[in-house]
Amino acid sequence: MPTSLTTQLDSGVYTIVLNRPKEYNAITPNLRDELAAAIEAANADDNAHVILLRAEGPAFCGGYDLGWSTEYQTHEESPSRLWDSVADYTMMSRFVDTYMKLWYSHKPTIAAVQGWCIGGGTDMVLCADIIVAADNAVFGYPPSRVWGTPTTAMWVYRMGLERAKRYLLTGDEIPAAVAAEIGLILEVVPEKQLLEQSLALAQRMAKVPINQLIMLKLLCNQTVENMGMASSRTLGTLFDGIARHTQEGRDFVEKTQSLGWRNAIRERDNPFGDYGSRPKNHND
């Protein structure tokens, strides 16, 4: 029985709901594995035409659970052993492979986003075919300031080279209205209408035969595949490990041990006046 999410099939729409609201649906190995299984189940179900991914609580996904991820890095390092980049790549690839199931799913995937969707949350959600966001949604990759790079590397493909550089080279947050304007997501709707409108879009797609949906999705995705997405993803996953093990990355982990990860994030983001400098509780 899944503990990090729930699923439901109705009217051709297979809904996957991230269900760790108190933790802002922060990503853990358990959530990763349950999400992978749910996407596979949806693709295997002949009654499911479209997959809708949404989340309970005030945030869609605050990124990786830093309690788990910083602890992992602390334990993997020791004075007598050098960092193993291949082991790190293998570990992170398990997360990346799960997010990419949204992209490689035979059936269309729609994400309905509210509140924070940042850090690793964007690695996940940007793999969906279509993103509908509530007007209170905020996107961004603050780990680009220290301790990470986007593993799925979807930014350039979704909004173009210069805009991707503008937001990744600063780590600045992107309000939902701006995200829609620059092409990172499809559209913004009032928060109270998010579920209704995203579900209506999914149900409208579900009226189309599955074979048509599969062919049309493959046709669109192949353009991005031809642009070299697989190699970008490999580089993004490798660079993420390297970024977490630079001197600055290791210093950040040490700060999380002494200050606590929320305070360490606030210290990182305070000079920019966003993310952790305002909310009292969210992950990265």
C-alpha atoms as a PDB file:
ATOM      1  CA  MET A   1       0.000   0.000   0.000  1.00  0.00           C
ATOM      2  CA  PRO A   2       1.554   3.343  -1.068  1.00  0.00           C
ATOM      3  CA  THR A   3       2.301   5.777   1.737  1.00  0.00           C
ATOM      4  CA  SER A   4       3.530   8.815  -0.239  1.00  0.00           C
ATOM      5  CA  LEU A   5       0.766   9.062  -2.840  1.00  0.00           C
ATOM      6  CA  THR A   6      -2.698   7.922  -3.838  1.00  0.00           C
ATOM      7  CA  THR A   7      -4.156   6.970  -7.218  1.00  0.00           C
ATOM      8  CA  GLN A   8      -7.604   6.988  -8.804  1.00  0.00           C
ATOM      9  CA  LEU A   9      -8.997   6.127 -12.245  1.00  0.00           C
ATOM     10  CA  ASP A  10     -12.132   7.893 -13.433  1.00  0.00           C
ATOM     11  CA  SER A  11     -13.465   8.719 -16.894  1.00  0.00           C
ATOM     12  CA  GLY A  12     -10.210   7.744 -18.589  1.00  0.00           C
ATOM     13  CA  VAL A  13      -8.060   9.909 -16.317  1.00  0.00           C
ATOM     14  CA  TYR A  14      -5.571   8.177 -14.022  1.00  0.00           C
ATOM     15  CA  THR A  15      -4.877  10.641 -11.205  1.00  0.00           C
ATOM     16  CA  ILE A  16      -1.713  10.386  -9.111  1.00  0.00           C
ATOM     17  CA  VAL A  17      -1.760  12.532  -5.975  1.00  0.00           C
ATOM     18  CA  LEU A  18       1.425  13.263  -4.029  1.00  0.00           C
ATOM     19  CA  ASN A  19       0.319  12.920  -0.425  1.00  0.00           C
ATOM     20  CA  ARG A  20       2.983  14.225   1.964  1.00  0.00           C
ATOM     21  CA  PRO A  21       1.383  17.637   2.564  1.00  0.00           C
ATOM     22  CA  LYS A  22       3.046  18.353   5.917  1.00  0.00           C
ATOM     23  CA  GLU A  23       6.446  17.831   4.265  1.00  0.00           C
ATOM     24  CA  TYR A  24       5.433  19.878   1.202  1.00  0.00           C
ATOM     25  CA  ASN A  25       5.632  16.612  -0.771  1.00  0.00           C
ATOM     26  CA  ALA A  26       9.419  16.637  -0.495  1.00  0.00           C
ATOM     27  CA  ILE A  27      11.068  13.897  -2.528  1.00  0.00           C
ATOM     28  CA  THR A  28      12.328  10.774  -0.767  1.00  0.00           C
ATOM     29  CA  PRO A  29      13.433   7.402  -2.132  1.00  0.00           C
ATOM     30  CA  ASN A  30      10.039   6.015  -1.102  1.00  0.00           C
ATOM     31  CA  LEU A  31       8.104   8.702  -2.979  1.00  0.00           C
ATOM     32  CA  ARG A  32      10.355   8.082  -5.995  1.00  0.00           C
ATOM     33  CA  ASP A  33       9.612   4.364  -6.044  1.00  0.00           C
ATOM     34  CA  GLU A  34       5.875   4.779  -5.497  1.00  0.00           C
ATOM     35  CA  LEU A  35       5.663   7.411  -8.244  1.00  0.00           C
ATOM     36  CA  ALA A  36       7.486   5.126 -10.677  1.00  0.00           C
ATOM     37  CA  ALA A  37       5.114   2.261  -9.876  1.00  0.00           C
ATOM     38  CA  ALA A  38       2.037   4.498 -10.256  1.00  0.00           C
ATOM     39  CA  ILE A  39       3.100   5.796 -13.686  1.00  0.00           C
ATOM     40  CA  GLU A  40       3.800   2.242 -14.848  1.00  0.00           C
ATOM     41  CA  ALA A  41       0.408   1.096 -13.559  1.00  0.00           C
ATOM     42  CA  ALA A  42      -1.319   3.913 -15.427  1.00  0.00           C
ATOM     43  CA  ASN A  43       0.403   2.979 -18.661  1.00  0.00           C
ATOM     44  CA  ALA A  44      -0.560  -0.667 -18.214  1.00  0.00           C
ATOM     45  CA  ASP A  45      -4.237   0.129 -17.638  1.00  0.00           C
ATOM     46  CA  ASP A  46      -6.203   0.088 -20.902  1.00  0.00           C
ATOM     47  CA  ASN A  47      -8.924   2.211 -19.312  1.00  0.00           C
ATOM     48  CA  ALA A  48      -6.503   5.049 -18.611  1.00  0.00           C
ATOM     49  CA  HIS A  49      -6.006   7.499 -21.466  1.00  0.00           C
ATOM     50  CA  VAL A  50      -4.370  10.408 -19.628  1.00  0.00           C
ATOM     51  CA  ILE A  51      -2.296  10.746 -16.437  1.00  0.00           C
ATOM     52  CA  LEU A  52      -2.954  13.697 -14.131  1.00  0.00           C
ATOM     53  CA  LEU A  53      -0.289  14.400 -11.492  1.00  0.00           C
ATOM     54  CA  ARG A  54      -1.270  16.674  -8.627  1.00  0.00           C
ATOM     55  CA  ALA A  55      -0.489  17.126  -4.930  1.00  0.00           C
ATOM     56  CA  GLU A  56      -2.193  17.627  -1.591  1.00  0.00           C
ATOM     57  CA  GLY A  57      -1.333  20.523   0.682  1.00  0.00           C
ATOM     58  CA  PRO A  58      -0.009  24.062   0.230  1.00  0.00           C
ATOM     59  CA  ALA A  59       2.821  23.053  -2.115  1.00  0.00           C
ATOM     60  CA  PHE A  60       3.144  20.764  -5.093  1.00  0.00           C
ATOM     61  CA  CYS A  61       6.729  19.813  -4.247  1.00  0.00           C
ATOM     62  CA  GLY A  62       9.375  21.605  -2.191  1.00  0.00           C
ATOM     63  CA  GLY A  63      12.163  19.566  -3.813  1.00  0.00           C
ATOM     64  CA  TYR A  64      14.267  16.890  -2.209  1.00  0.00           C
ATOM     65  CA  ASP A  65      13.823  16.102   1.454  1.00  0.00           C
ATOM     66  CA  LEU A  66      17.002  17.744   2.690  1.00  0.00           C
ATOM     67  CA  GLY A  67      16.985  15.795   5.908  1.00  0.00           C
ATOM     68  CA  TRP A  68      17.470  12.638   3.852  1.00  0.00           C
ATOM     69  CA  SER A  69      19.735  14.028   1.127  1.00  0.00           C
ATOM     70  CA  THR A  70      22.196  15.903   3.333  1.00  0.00           C
ATOM     71  CA  GLU A  71      22.399  12.901   5.640  1.00  0.00           C
ATOM     72  CA  TYR A  72      23.166  10.722   2.628  1.00  0.00           C
ATOM     73  CA  GLN A  73      26.026  12.975   1.548  1.00  0.00           C
ATOM     74  CA  THR A  74      27.406  13.163   5.082  1.00  0.00           C
ATOM     75  CA  HIS A  75      27.503   9.375   5.401  1.00  0.00           C
ATOM     76  CA  GLU A  76      28.924   8.723   1.931  1.00  0.00           C
ATOM     77  CA  GLU A  77      32.015  10.842   2.648  1.00  0.00           C
ATOM     78  CA  SER A  78      34.852   9.908   4.978  1.00  0.00           C
ATOM     79  CA  PRO A  79      38.469  11.013   5.370  1.00  0.00           C
ATOM     80  CA  SER A  80      39.642   7.626   4.116  1.00  0.00           C
ATOM     81  CA  ARG A  81      37.455   7.465   0.984  1.00  0.00           C
ATOM     82  CA  LEU A  82      37.150   9.777  -2.016  1.00  0.00           C
ATOM     83  CA  TRP A  83      33.778  10.683  -3.496  1.00  0.00           C
ATOM     84  CA  ASP A  84      32.638   8.079  -6.032  1.00  0.00           C
ATOM     85  CA  SER A  85      31.141  10.003  -8.964  1.00  0.00           C
ATOM     86  CA  VAL A  86      29.843   6.868 -10.667  1.00  0.00           C
ATOM     87  CA  ALA A  87      28.059   5.702  -7.523  1.00  0.00           C
ATOM     88  CA  ASP A  88      26.541   9.176  -7.166  1.00  0.00           C
ATOM     89  CA  TYR A  89      25.424   9.182 -10.803  1.00  0.00           C
ATOM     90  CA  THR A  90      23.864   5.749 -10.372  1.00  0.00           C
ATOM     91  CA  MET A  91      22.002   6.879  -7.261  1.00  0.00           C
ATOM     92  CA  MET A  92      20.679  10.091  -8.840  1.00  0.00           C
ATOM     93  CA  SER A  93      19.771   8.313 -12.070  1.00  0.00           C
ATOM     94  CA  ARG A  94      17.170   6.317 -10.148  1.00  0.00           C
ATOM     95  CA  PHE A  95      15.380   9.595  -9.386  1.00  0.00           C
ATOM     96  CA  VAL A  96      15.873  10.957 -12.893  1.00  0.00           C
ATOM     97  CA  ASP A  97      14.587   7.755 -14.488  1.00  0.00           C
ATOM     98  CA  THR A  98      11.401   8.092 -12.438  1.00  0.00           C
ATOM     99  CA  TYR A  99      10.794  11.707 -13.470  1.00  0.00           C
ATOM    100  CA  MET A 100      11.430  10.782 -17.099  1.00  0.00           C
ATOM    101  CA  LYS A 101       8.634   8.228 -16.900  1.00  0.00           C
ATOM    102  CA  LEU A 102       6.321  11.244 -17.174  1.00  0.00           C
ATOM    103  CA  TRP A 103       8.067  12.199 -20.424  1.00  0.00           C
ATOM    104  CA  TYR A 104       8.322   8.671 -21.846  1.00  0.00           C
ATOM    105  CA  SER A 105       4.871   7.632 -20.660  1.00  0.00           C
ATOM    106  CA  HIS A 106       2.935   6.413 -23.683  1.00  0.00           C
ATOM    107  CA  LYS A 107      -0.047   8.362 -22.428  1.00  0.00           C
ATOM    108  CA  PRO A 108      -0.143  12.152 -22.050  1.00  0.00           C
ATOM    109  CA  THR A 109       0.818  13.522 -18.642  1.00  0.00           C
ATOM    110  CA  ILE A 110      -0.617  16.703 -17.130  1.00  0.00           C
ATOM    111  CA  ALA A 111       0.671  18.270 -13.909  1.00  0.00           C
ATOM    112  CA  ALA A 112      -1.488  20.543 -11.750  1.00  0.00           C
ATOM    113  CA  VAL A 113       0.758  22.711  -9.576  1.00  0.00           C
ATOM    114  CA  GLN A 114       0.003  24.865  -6.560  1.00  0.00           C
ATOM    115  CA  GLY A 115       2.351  26.679  -4.198  1.00  0.00           C
ATOM    116  CA  TRP A 116       6.049  25.873  -4.233  1.00  0.00           C
ATOM    117  CA  CYS A 117       7.452  23.757  -7.054  1.00  0.00           C
ATOM    118  CA  ILE A 118      11.180  24.253  -6.707  1.00  0.00           C
ATOM    119  CA  GLY A 119      14.528  22.472  -6.840  1.00  0.00           C
ATOM    120  CA  GLY A 120      14.014  18.766  -7.427  1.00  0.00           C
ATOM    121  CA  GLY A 121      10.298  19.447  -7.778  1.00  0.00           C
ATOM    122  CA  THR A 122      11.030  21.143 -11.097  1.00  0.00           C
ATOM    123  CA  ASP A 123      13.200  18.207 -12.181  1.00  0.00           C
ATOM    124  CA  MET A 124      10.039  16.148 -11.792  1.00  0.00           C
ATOM    125  CA  VAL A 125       7.286  18.416 -13.055  1.00  0.00           C
ATOM    126  CA  LEU A 126       9.058  19.750 -16.137  1.00  0.00           C
ATOM    127  CA  CYS A 127       8.996  16.192 -17.491  1.00  0.00           C
ATOM    128  CA  ALA A 128       5.191  16.319 -17.712  1.00  0.00           C
ATOM    129  CA  ASP A 129       3.748  17.070 -21.128  1.00  0.00           C
ATOM    130  CA  ILE A 130       1.599  19.948 -19.911  1.00  0.00           C
ATOM    131  CA  ILE A 131       1.702  22.007 -16.715  1.00  0.00           C
ATOM    132  CA  VAL A 132      -1.282  23.944 -15.403  1.00  0.00           C
ATOM    133  CA  ALA A 133      -0.519  26.102 -12.376  1.00  0.00           C
ATOM    134  CA  ALA A 134      -2.543  27.887  -9.747  1.00  0.00           C
ATOM    135  CA  ASP A 135      -1.994  31.621  -9.479  1.00  0.00           C
ATOM    136  CA  ASN A 136      -0.125  31.075  -6.191  1.00  0.00           C
ATOM    137  CA  ALA A 137       2.424  28.700  -7.718  1.00  0.00           C
ATOM    138  CA  VAL A 138       6.129  29.553  -7.664  1.00  0.00           C
ATOM    139  CA  PHE A 139       8.795  27.760  -9.684  1.00  0.00           C
ATOM    140  CA  GLY A 140      12.581  27.970  -9.525  1.00  0.00           C
ATOM    141  CA  TYR A 141      15.848  26.176  -8.996  1.00  0.00           C
ATOM    142  CA  PRO A 142      17.503  27.761  -5.936  1.00  0.00           C
ATOM    143  CA  PRO A 143      20.121  24.953  -5.674  1.00  0.00           C
ATOM    144  CA  SER A 144      21.756  26.533  -8.745  1.00  0.00           C
ATOM    145  CA  ARG A 145      23.182  29.054  -6.227  1.00  0.00           C
ATOM    146  CA  VAL A 146      24.972  26.223  -4.491  1.00  0.00           C
ATOM    147  CA  TRP A 147      24.605  22.443  -4.237  1.00  0.00           C
ATOM    148  CA  GLY A 148      22.947  21.381  -7.462  1.00  0.00           C
ATOM    149  CA  THR A 149      22.104  21.507 -11.150  1.00  0.00           C
ATOM    150  CA  PRO A 150      18.834  20.484 -12.860  1.00  0.00           C
ATOM    151  CA  THR A 151      19.163  16.744 -13.405  1.00  0.00           C
ATOM    152  CA  THR A 152      16.528  16.336 -16.103  1.00  0.00           C
ATOM    153  CA  ALA A 153      17.815  19.477 -17.890  1.00  0.00           C
ATOM    154  CA  MET A 154      14.402  20.454 -19.266  1.00  0.00           C
ATOM    155  CA  TRP A 155      14.776  24.216 -18.880  1.00  0.00           C
ATOM    156  CA  VAL A 156      16.191  25.134 -22.290  1.00  0.00           C
ATOM    157  CA  TYR A 157      13.759  22.858 -24.101  1.00  0.00           C
ATOM    158  CA  ARG A 158      10.746  24.400 -22.396  1.00  0.00           C
ATOM    159  CA  MET A 159      11.528  28.117 -22.520  1.00  0.00           C
ATOM    160  CA  GLY A 160      14.548  28.722 -24.725  1.00  0.00           C
ATOM    161  CA  LEU A 161      18.246  29.337 -24.201  1.00  0.00           C
ATOM    162  CA  GLU A 162      18.434  32.893 -22.878  1.00  0.00           C
ATOM    163  CA  ARG A 163      15.491  32.616 -20.498  1.00  0.00           C
ATOM    164  CA  ALA A 164      16.834  29.351 -19.119  1.00  0.00           C
ATOM    165  CA  LYS A 165      20.183  31.036 -18.513  1.00  0.00           C
ATOM    166  CA  ARG A 166      18.521  34.046 -16.915  1.00  0.00           C
ATOM    167  CA  TYR A 167      16.815  31.922 -14.254  1.00  0.00           C
ATOM    168  CA  LEU A 168      19.413  29.208 -13.749  1.00  0.00           C
ATOM    169  CA  LEU A 169      22.341  31.631 -13.470  1.00  0.00           C
ATOM    170  CA  THR A 170      20.545  33.487 -10.665  1.00  0.00           C
ATOM    171  CA  GLY A 171      18.348  30.779  -9.157  1.00  0.00           C
ATOM    172  CA  ASP A 172      15.575  33.397  -9.006  1.00  0.00           C
ATOM    173  CA  GLU A 173      12.027  32.327  -8.276  1.00  0.00           C
ATOM    174  CA  ILE A 174       9.464  32.412 -11.091  1.00  0.00           C
ATOM    175  CA  PRO A 175       5.864  33.312 -10.171  1.00  0.00           C
ATOM    176  CA  ALA A 176       3.217  31.350 -12.048  1.00  0.00           C
ATOM    177  CA  ALA A 177       2.161  34.269 -14.247  1.00  0.00           C
ATOM    178  CA  VAL A 178       5.751  34.818 -15.380  1.00  0.00           C
ATOM    179  CA  ALA A 179       6.257  31.074 -15.892  1.00  0.00           C
ATOM    180  CA  ALA A 180       3.303  31.018 -18.289  1.00  0.00           C
ATOM    181  CA  GLU A 181       4.476  34.148 -20.095  1.00  0.00           C
ATOM    182  CA  ILE A 182       7.948  32.733 -20.785  1.00  0.00           C
ATOM    183  CA  GLY A 183       6.689  29.282 -21.782  1.00  0.00           C
ATOM    184  CA  LEU A 184       7.850  27.266 -18.788  1.00  0.00           C
ATOM    185  CA  ILE A 185       4.248  26.152 -18.194  1.00  0.00           C
ATOM    186  CA  LEU A 186       1.046  26.172 -20.244  1.00  0.00           C
ATOM    187  CA  GLU A 187      -1.303  28.380 -18.253  1.00  0.00           C
ATOM    188  CA  VAL A 188      -2.301  29.876 -14.908  1.00  0.00           C
ATOM    189  CA  VAL A 189      -5.722  29.497 -13.306  1.00  0.00           C
ATOM    190  CA  PRO A 190      -7.207  30.706 -10.004  1.00  0.00           C
ATOM    191  CA  GLU A 191      -6.118  28.483  -7.148  1.00  0.00           C
ATOM    192  CA  LYS A 192      -9.662  27.356  -6.340  1.00  0.00           C
ATOM    193  CA  GLN A 193     -10.159  26.276  -9.959  1.00  0.00           C
ATOM    194  CA  LEU A 194      -6.895  24.354 -10.377  1.00  0.00           C
ATOM    195  CA  LEU A 195      -8.283  20.864  -9.875  1.00  0.00           C
ATOM    196  CA  GLU A 196     -11.445  21.557 -11.869  1.00  0.00           C
ATOM    197  CA  GLN A 197      -9.668  23.028 -14.893  1.00  0.00           C
ATOM    198  CA  SER A 198      -6.745  20.588 -14.992  1.00  0.00           C
ATOM    199  CA  LEU A 199      -9.140  17.664 -14.671  1.00  0.00           C
ATOM    200  CA  ALA A 200     -11.363  19.098 -17.404  1.00  0.00           C
ATOM    201  CA  LEU A 201      -8.360  19.307 -19.736  1.00  0.00           C
ATOM    202  CA  ALA A 202      -7.378  15.718 -18.907  1.00  0.00           C
ATOM    203  CA  GLN A 203     -10.932  14.497 -19.503  1.00  0.00           C
ATOM    204  CA  ARG A 204     -11.079  16.334 -22.820  1.00  0.00           C
ATOM    205  CA  MET A 205      -7.880  14.571 -23.928  1.00  0.00           C
ATOM    206  CA  ALA A 206      -9.238  11.255 -22.662  1.00  0.00           C
ATOM    207  CA  LYS A 207     -11.977  11.410 -25.307  1.00  0.00           C
ATOM    208  CA  VAL A 208      -9.294  10.780 -27.958  1.00  0.00           C
ATOM    209  CA  PRO A 209      -8.387   7.130 -28.701  1.00  0.00           C
ATOM    210  CA  ILE A 210      -5.267   5.938 -26.884  1.00  0.00           C
ATOM    211  CA  ASN A 211      -3.478   5.056 -30.129  1.00  0.00           C
ATOM    212  CA  GLN A 212      -3.939   8.622 -31.387  1.00  0.00           C
ATOM    213  CA  LEU A 213      -2.691  10.089 -28.122  1.00  0.00           C
ATOM    214  CA  ILE A 214       0.403   7.882 -28.185  1.00  0.00           C
ATOM    215  CA  MET A 215       1.273   8.742 -31.790  1.00  0.00           C
ATOM    216  CA  LEU A 216       0.785  12.471 -31.353  1.00  0.00           C
ATOM    217  CA  LYS A 217       2.831  12.584 -28.142  1.00  0.00           C
ATOM    218  CA  LEU A 218       5.673  10.644 -29.765  1.00  0.00           C
ATOM    219  CA  LEU A 219       5.573  12.980 -32.755  1.00  0.00           C
ATOM    220  CA  CYS A 220       5.949  16.060 -30.548  1.00  0.00           C
ATOM    221  CA  ASN A 221       8.544  14.552 -28.214  1.00  0.00           C
ATOM    222  CA  GLN A 222      10.753  13.346 -31.026  1.00  0.00           C
ATOM    223  CA  THR A 223      11.610  16.938 -31.952  1.00  0.00           C
ATOM    224  CA  VAL A 224      13.106  17.474 -28.499  1.00  0.00           C
ATOM    225  CA  GLU A 225      14.830  14.081 -28.584  1.00  0.00           C
ATOM    226  CA  ASN A 226      16.477  15.101 -31.858  1.00  0.00           C
ATOM    227  CA  MET A 227      17.853  18.208 -30.142  1.00  0.00           C
ATOM    228  CA  GLY A 228      19.978  16.046 -27.843  1.00  0.00           C
ATOM    229  CA  MET A 229      17.870  15.856 -24.700  1.00  0.00           C
ATOM    230  CA  ALA A 230      19.381  12.521 -23.599  1.00  0.00           C
ATOM    231  CA  SER A 231      22.921  13.912 -23.559  1.00  0.00           C
ATOM    232  CA  SER A 232      21.765  17.073 -21.752  1.00  0.00           C
ATOM    233  CA  ARG A 233      20.127  14.911 -19.111  1.00  0.00           C
ATOM    234  CA  THR A 234      23.282  12.851 -18.619  1.00  0.00           C
ATOM    235  CA  LEU A 235      25.348  16.000 -18.186  1.00  0.00           C
ATOM    236  CA  GLY A 236      22.792  17.524 -15.809  1.00  0.00           C
ATOM    237  CA  THR A 237      22.814  14.440 -13.590  1.00  0.00           C
ATOM    238  CA  LEU A 238      26.617  14.266 -13.530  1.00  0.00           C
ATOM    239  CA  PHE A 239      26.986  17.988 -12.840  1.00  0.00           C
ATOM    240  CA  ASP A 240      24.452  17.748 -10.013  1.00  0.00           C
ATOM    241  CA  GLY A 241      26.729  15.291  -8.223  1.00  0.00           C
ATOM    242  CA  ILE A 242      29.785  17.438  -8.883  1.00  0.00           C
ATOM    243  CA  ALA A 243      27.990  20.553  -7.599  1.00  0.00           C
ATOM    244  CA  ARG A 244      27.122  18.786  -4.362  1.00  0.00           C
ATOM    245  CA  HIS A 245      30.782  17.872  -3.857  1.00  0.00           C
ATOM    246  CA  THR A 246      32.551  21.129  -4.675  1.00  0.00           C
ATOM    247  CA  GLN A 247      34.088  22.916  -1.708  1.00  0.00           C
ATOM    248  CA  GLU A 248      31.087  25.225  -1.653  1.00  0.00           C
ATOM    249  CA  GLY A 249      28.715  22.261  -1.800  1.00  0.00           C
ATOM    250  CA  ARG A 250      30.445  20.501   1.068  1.00  0.00           C
ATOM    251  CA  ASP A 251      30.479  23.738   3.075  1.00  0.00           C
ATOM    252  CA  PHE A 252      26.718  23.970   2.551  1.00  0.00           C
ATOM    253  CA  VAL A 253      26.214  20.457   3.907  1.00  0.00           C
ATOM    254  CA  GLU A 254      28.328  21.330   6.959  1.00  0.00           C
ATOM    255  CA  LYS A 255      26.105  24.360   7.546  1.00  0.00           C
ATOM    256  CA  THR A 256      23.025  22.176   7.469  1.00  0.00           C
ATOM    257  CA  GLN A 257      24.592  20.073  10.209  1.00  0.00           C
ATOM    258  CA  SER A 258      25.362  23.064  12.430  1.00  0.00           C
ATOM    259  CA  LEU A 259      22.477  25.435  11.599  1.00  0.00           C
ATOM    260  CA  GLY A 260      19.782  23.034  10.443  1.00  0.00           C
ATOM    261  CA  TRP A 261      18.856  22.848   6.771  1.00  0.00           C
ATOM    262  CA  ARG A 262      16.080  25.467   6.921  1.00  0.00           C
ATOM    263  CA  ASN A 263      18.450  28.052   8.352  1.00  0.00           C
ATOM    264  CA  ALA A 264      21.193  27.071   5.921  1.00  0.00           C
ATOM    265  CA  ILE A 265      18.788  27.612   3.024  1.00  0.00           C
ATOM    266  CA  ARG A 266      17.726  30.992   4.401  1.00  0.00           C
ATOM    267  CA  GLU A 267      21.361  32.036   4.718  1.00  0.00           C
ATOM    268  CA  ARG A 268      21.929  31.042   1.087  1.00  0.00           C
ATOM    269  CA  ASP A 269      18.831  32.787  -0.249  1.00  0.00           C
ATOM    270  CA  ASN A 270      18.628  35.906   1.957  1.00  0.00           C
ATOM    271  CA  PRO A 271      20.957  37.951  -0.300  1.00  0.00           C
ATOM    272  CA  PHE A 272      18.519  37.339  -3.169  1.00  0.00           C
ATOM    273  CA  GLY A 273      15.406  38.215  -1.151  1.00  0.00           C
ATOM    274  CA  ASP A 274      13.351  35.192  -2.161  1.00  0.00           C
ATOM    275  CA  TYR A 275      12.514  31.563  -1.282  1.00  0.00           C
ATOM    276  CA  GLY A 276      13.803  30.854   2.242  1.00  0.00           C
ATOM    277  CA  SER A 277      14.094  34.516   3.139  1.00  0.00           C
ATOM    278  CA  ARG A 278      10.282  34.776   3.280  1.00  0.00           C
ATOM    279  CA  PRO A 279       8.505  31.468   3.967  1.00  0.00           C
ATOM    280  CA  LYS A 280       9.120  29.962   7.385  1.00  0.00           C
ATOM    281  CA  ASN A 281       8.729  26.368   6.243  1.00  0.00           C
ATOM    282  CA  HIS A 282       9.670  24.843   2.913  1.00  0.00           C
ATOM    283  CA  ASN A 283      12.176  22.462   1.479  1.00  0.00           C
ATOM    284  CA  ASP A 284      14.587  22.983  -1.386  1.00  0.00           C
END
